[in-house]
Amino acid sequence: MKPIAIASLVTLLVLSSGAALAQKQPATALMGIDLAGNTPGGQDGPAGVPDTILTVDISGVECWDSLDDPDNTVLTECLGPDAAMTGIGWNVTLTTNGASWLSECVTYFDAADLDGSGLFLTVGVGNSMPGTMTFDSGGILDLTDNGIPNIEMQADGLLYIQFFESFDDVPDSVDGFYEDGSFYDIAVAGYDVVFCGGPGFPEIPTLDAVGLAGLALLLCACGAYVSRRRLRPPGPSS
């Protein structure tokens, strides 16, 4: 799998074109993808192919304030208590408002502890400018191949995804947003379809009072012997 370009601390040049730009701080991320990361990549060989790829539509999601601000958008995806996020891919179009930079919109992925040890993804790292730009990973990028631990789920089985700004230009205001058609592909090992109520495992229907009465009449009419079949959910749809 193609290695991810790591940018733990992105050093931004101080620009003299305006006070607002000169006051900006370096964008910080545990993992950042620069232009080298936006080239076609591949998945691991058969032994490392993730169990499941979950596509998360982030169309219209907004970037508001600093990490953990109550205004920020937080999504949750059920993976299962024994599952792990093992990789990430994306195709997103990001638009910023005002003087906010493309490099300041960050997505934080973590389990329920939210202890800061998860993945901080900055798809626009290195793009120290406002505007609109599309970023494409070219496939699934493996975390451990790039020195980033897999994100192990906890008892609730949920992956938490928070969208925030590494530099908040205007508090309590939207600094950027993801255009229609933007999505993340999340690679998951050990995805628990039953725990998460995924496709192919609908709830087993229960009989109401009218149904029970009808069943009793049917049993009387058919005699003492009734063959019973165990109800089970259908297999996953193709």
Protein backbone atom coordinates (compact mmCIF):
# COMPACT_ATOMS: atom_id res chain seq x y z
CA MET A 1 0.00 0.00 0.00
CA LYS A 2 1.21 3.50 -0.81
CA PRO A 3 2.84 5.20 2.21
CA ILE A 4 1.19 8.34 3.52
CA ALA A 5 3.19 11.55 3.56
CA ILE A 6 3.50 12.53 7.23
CA ALA A 7 3.42 16.15 8.35
CA SER A 8 3.46 16.22 12.15
CA LEU A 9 4.16 19.94 12.16
CA VAL A 10 3.61 21.90 8.97
CA THR A 11 5.76 25.04 9.07
CA LEU A 12 4.00 27.87 7.29
CA LEU A 13 5.92 30.87 5.95
CA VAL A 14 4.91 34.19 7.46
CA LEU A 15 3.40 36.19 4.63
CA SER A 16 3.71 39.95 4.45
CA SER A 17 0.60 40.44 2.33
CA GLY A 18 -1.68 41.12 5.27
CA ALA A 19 -1.89 41.11 9.05
CA ALA A 20 -4.53 38.36 9.12
CA LEU A 21 -2.23 35.94 7.29
CA ALA A 22 0.84 36.93 9.30
CA GLN A 23 -0.91 36.08 12.54
CA LYS A 24 -1.84 32.55 11.54
CA GLN A 25 -0.15 29.69 13.40
CA PRO A 26 1.34 26.52 11.88
CA ALA A 27 -1.23 23.84 11.13
CA THR A 28 -0.66 20.84 13.39
CA ALA A 29 -1.71 17.27 12.66
CA LEU A 30 -0.63 13.78 13.64
CA MET A 31 -1.11 12.83 10.02
CA GLY A 32 -1.26 15.19 7.10
CA ILE A 33 -1.49 14.39 3.42
CA ASP A 34 0.43 16.66 1.07
CA LEU A 35 0.27 16.68 -2.71
CA ALA A 36 2.42 13.55 -2.85
CA GLY A 37 -0.36 11.68 -1.06
CA ASN A 38 -2.93 12.63 -3.66
CA THR A 39 -1.65 10.18 -6.27
CA PRO A 40 -3.06 6.75 -7.07
CA GLY A 41 -2.46 4.29 -4.27
CA GLY A 42 -3.30 0.65 -3.70
CA GLN A 43 -4.46 -1.64 -0.96
CA ASP A 44 -2.28 -4.17 0.80
CA GLY A 45 -1.87 -7.68 -0.52
CA PRO A 46 -4.48 -10.34 0.29
CA ALA A 47 -3.29 -10.77 3.87
CA GLY A 48 -3.87 -7.11 4.64
CA VAL A 49 -7.10 -6.42 2.79
CA PRO A 50 -9.58 -4.91 5.27
CA ASP A 51 -12.76 -6.82 6.07
CA THR A 52 -15.06 -3.94 5.22
CA ILE A 53 -14.95 -0.53 3.55
CA LEU A 54 -17.51 1.92 4.96
CA THR A 55 -18.27 4.96 2.82
CA VAL A 56 -19.21 8.00 4.92
CA ASP A 57 -20.92 10.82 3.02
CA ILE A 58 -19.72 14.17 4.41
CA SER A 59 -21.52 16.38 1.89
CA GLY A 60 -22.41 19.67 3.55
CA VAL A 61 -20.42 19.02 6.74
CA GLU A 62 -19.05 22.29 8.14
CA CYS A 63 -15.80 23.17 9.89
CA TRP A 64 -16.52 25.55 12.75
CA ASP A 65 -14.15 26.05 15.65
CA SER A 66 -11.17 24.55 17.50
CA LEU A 67 -10.98 20.92 18.60
CA ASP A 68 -13.76 19.86 21.01
CA ASP A 69 -15.71 23.10 20.64
CA PRO A 70 -19.44 22.36 21.13
CA ASP A 71 -20.23 23.95 17.75
CA ASN A 72 -18.23 21.32 15.87
CA THR A 73 -19.92 18.59 13.86
CA VAL A 74 -19.37 15.08 15.28
CA LEU A 75 -20.43 11.97 13.38
CA THR A 76 -20.48 8.43 14.75
CA GLU A 77 -20.12 5.20 12.79
CA CYS A 78 -20.79 1.80 14.35
CA LEU A 79 -17.92 -0.64 13.73
CA GLY A 80 -18.36 -3.08 16.63
CA PRO A 81 -16.59 -3.46 20.00
CA ASP A 82 -13.86 -5.74 18.62
CA ALA A 83 -13.33 -3.83 15.38
CA ALA A 84 -10.58 -1.42 14.38
CA MET A 85 -10.19 1.34 11.84
CA THR A 86 -7.21 0.30 9.73
CA GLY A 87 -7.16 2.72 6.80
CA ILE A 88 -8.65 5.79 5.21
CA GLY A 89 -9.42 7.04 1.72
CA TRP A 90 -11.17 10.15 0.51
CA ASN A 91 -12.52 12.18 -2.34
CA VAL A 92 -13.57 15.57 -1.03
CA THR A 93 -14.11 19.06 -2.34
CA LEU A 94 -13.40 21.60 0.36
CA THR A 95 -14.47 25.24 0.32
CA THR A 96 -13.35 27.81 2.86
CA ASN A 97 -15.01 31.04 3.93
CA GLY A 98 -13.31 34.41 4.21
CA ALA A 99 -9.59 34.24 5.05
CA SER A 100 -9.68 30.64 6.32
CA TRP A 101 -7.12 28.34 4.68
CA LEU A 102 -7.73 24.93 3.11
CA SER A 103 -4.97 23.57 5.36
CA GLU A 104 -6.92 24.46 8.51
CA CYS A 105 -9.85 22.04 8.11
CA VAL A 106 -9.01 18.91 10.10
CA THR A 107 -10.92 15.66 10.72
CA TYR A 108 -10.27 13.77 13.96
CA PHE A 109 -11.04 10.02 14.10
CA ASP A 110 -11.01 8.21 17.45
CA ALA A 111 -12.75 5.65 19.65
CA ALA A 112 -14.97 6.54 22.61
CA ASP A 113 -12.10 7.62 24.88
CA LEU A 114 -11.39 10.62 22.60
CA ASP A 115 -7.94 10.87 24.19
CA GLY A 116 -6.21 12.51 21.22
CA SER A 117 -4.36 9.34 20.20
CA GLY A 118 -6.51 8.80 17.11
CA LEU A 119 -6.06 10.08 13.58
CA PHE A 120 -5.94 13.78 12.70
CA LEU A 121 -6.44 14.04 8.94
CA THR A 122 -5.71 17.26 7.07
CA VAL A 123 -6.42 16.58 3.41
CA GLY A 124 -5.52 20.16 2.45
CA VAL A 125 -2.20 20.34 4.29
CA GLY A 126 0.26 22.58 2.48
CA ASN A 127 -2.49 24.60 0.82
CA SER A 128 -2.09 27.80 2.81
CA MET A 129 -4.78 29.71 0.99
CA PRO A 130 -8.56 30.15 0.96
CA GLY A 131 -10.74 28.87 -1.85
CA THR A 132 -12.17 25.63 -3.22
CA MET A 133 -10.13 22.53 -4.05
CA THR A 134 -10.72 18.80 -4.57
CA PHE A 135 -8.52 16.24 -2.81
CA ASP A 136 -8.41 12.55 -3.74
CA SER A 137 -6.37 9.90 -1.91
CA GLY A 138 -6.36 7.60 -4.94
CA GLY A 139 -7.43 4.61 -2.83
CA ILE A 140 -7.29 3.30 0.72
CA LEU A 141 -4.18 4.32 2.68
CA ASP A 142 -3.19 1.90 5.43
CA LEU A 143 -2.52 3.40 8.88
CA THR A 144 0.10 0.99 10.17
CA ASP A 145 1.99 1.08 6.88
CA ASN A 146 2.56 4.72 7.69
CA GLY A 147 3.50 4.34 11.35
CA ILE A 148 0.04 5.21 12.68
CA PRO A 149 -1.62 2.68 15.05
CA ASN A 150 -4.99 1.21 14.11
CA ILE A 151 -7.87 2.78 16.04
CA GLU A 152 -9.31 0.06 18.29
CA MET A 153 -12.98 0.41 19.18
CA GLN A 154 -14.23 0.34 22.76
CA ALA A 155 -17.33 -1.19 24.33
CA ASP A 156 -19.80 1.02 22.48
CA GLY A 157 -18.30 -0.03 19.13
CA LEU A 158 -18.46 3.53 17.80
CA LEU A 159 -15.97 5.49 15.74
CA TYR A 160 -16.17 9.23 16.48
CA ILE A 161 -15.43 11.70 13.66
CA GLN A 162 -15.04 15.37 14.60
CA PHE A 163 -14.56 18.18 12.09
CA PHE A 164 -12.65 21.20 13.41
CA GLU A 165 -10.31 24.08 12.57
CA SER A 166 -6.61 24.04 13.47
CA PHE A 167 -6.78 27.85 13.41
CA ASP A 168 -10.15 29.39 14.19
CA ASP A 169 -10.40 32.61 12.16
CA VAL A 170 -13.84 33.57 13.45
CA PRO A 171 -15.15 31.89 16.65
CA ASP A 172 -18.69 30.53 16.50
CA SER A 173 -18.72 30.81 12.72
CA VAL A 174 -18.29 28.40 9.80
CA ASP A 175 -14.76 28.57 8.40
CA GLY A 176 -15.21 25.92 5.72
CA PHE A 177 -17.44 23.15 4.43
CA TYR A 178 -17.38 20.03 2.25
CA GLU A 179 -19.19 20.26 -1.07
CA ASP A 180 -21.77 17.75 -2.34
CA GLY A 181 -20.28 14.40 -3.28
CA SER A 182 -17.52 14.50 -0.65
CA PHE A 183 -16.88 11.21 1.18
CA TYR A 184 -14.45 9.22 3.31
CA ASP A 185 -13.79 5.52 2.77
CA ILE A 186 -12.99 3.92 6.14
CA ALA A 187 -11.28 0.53 6.17
CA VAL A 188 -12.41 -1.67 9.06
CA ALA A 189 -11.03 -4.96 10.37
CA GLY A 190 -13.55 -7.07 12.31
CA TYR A 191 -16.65 -5.10 11.38
CA ASP A 192 -19.54 -6.49 13.45
CA VAL A 193 -22.63 -6.58 11.24
CA VAL A 194 -24.85 -8.08 13.95
CA PHE A 195 -23.83 -5.57 16.65
CA CYS A 196 -24.26 -2.64 14.28
CA GLY A 197 -27.49 -3.89 12.72
CA GLY A 198 -26.02 -3.74 9.26
CA PRO A 199 -27.54 -4.79 5.93
CA GLY A 200 -28.80 -8.37 5.81
CA PHE A 201 -29.70 -8.49 9.51
CA PRO A 202 -33.14 -6.88 9.88
CA GLU A 203 -35.05 -7.16 13.11
CA ILE A 204 -37.10 -10.35 13.37
CA PRO A 205 -40.79 -9.36 13.15
CA THR A 206 -43.03 -10.08 16.12
CA LEU A 207 -46.67 -11.19 16.01
CA ASP A 208 -49.27 -8.75 17.28
CA ALA A 209 -52.51 -9.83 19.06
CA VAL A 210 -54.44 -10.26 15.81
CA GLY A 211 -51.64 -12.35 14.36
CA LEU A 212 -51.57 -14.61 17.42
CA ALA A 213 -55.33 -15.18 17.21
CA GLY A 214 -55.06 -16.11 13.55
CA LEU A 215 -52.23 -18.49 14.30
CA ALA A 216 -54.27 -20.23 17.01
CA LEU A 217 -57.17 -20.83 14.59
CA LEU A 218 -54.75 -22.18 11.99
CA LEU A 219 -53.26 -24.64 14.47
CA CYS A 220 -56.70 -25.93 15.44
CA ALA A 221 -57.68 -26.46 11.81
CA CYS A 222 -54.48 -28.27 10.92
CA GLY A 223 -54.57 -30.78 13.77
CA ALA A 224 -52.22 -31.55 16.59
CA TYR A 225 -49.05 -31.86 14.54
CA VAL A 226 -47.56 -28.66 13.23
CA SER A 227 -44.15 -28.49 11.69
CA ARG A 228 -42.24 -25.45 12.76
CA ARG A 229 -39.41 -23.74 11.00
CA ARG A 230 -36.91 -21.60 12.82
CA LEU A 231 -37.03 -18.01 11.65
CA ARG A 232 -33.64 -16.61 10.83
CA PRO A 233 -32.51 -13.42 9.11
CA PRO A 234 -31.60 -13.59 5.43
CA GLY A 235 -27.98 -13.51 4.36
CA PRO A 236 -26.28 -10.29 3.30
CA SER A 237 -27.60 -8.85 0.06
CA SER A 238 -25.28 -9.01 -2.92
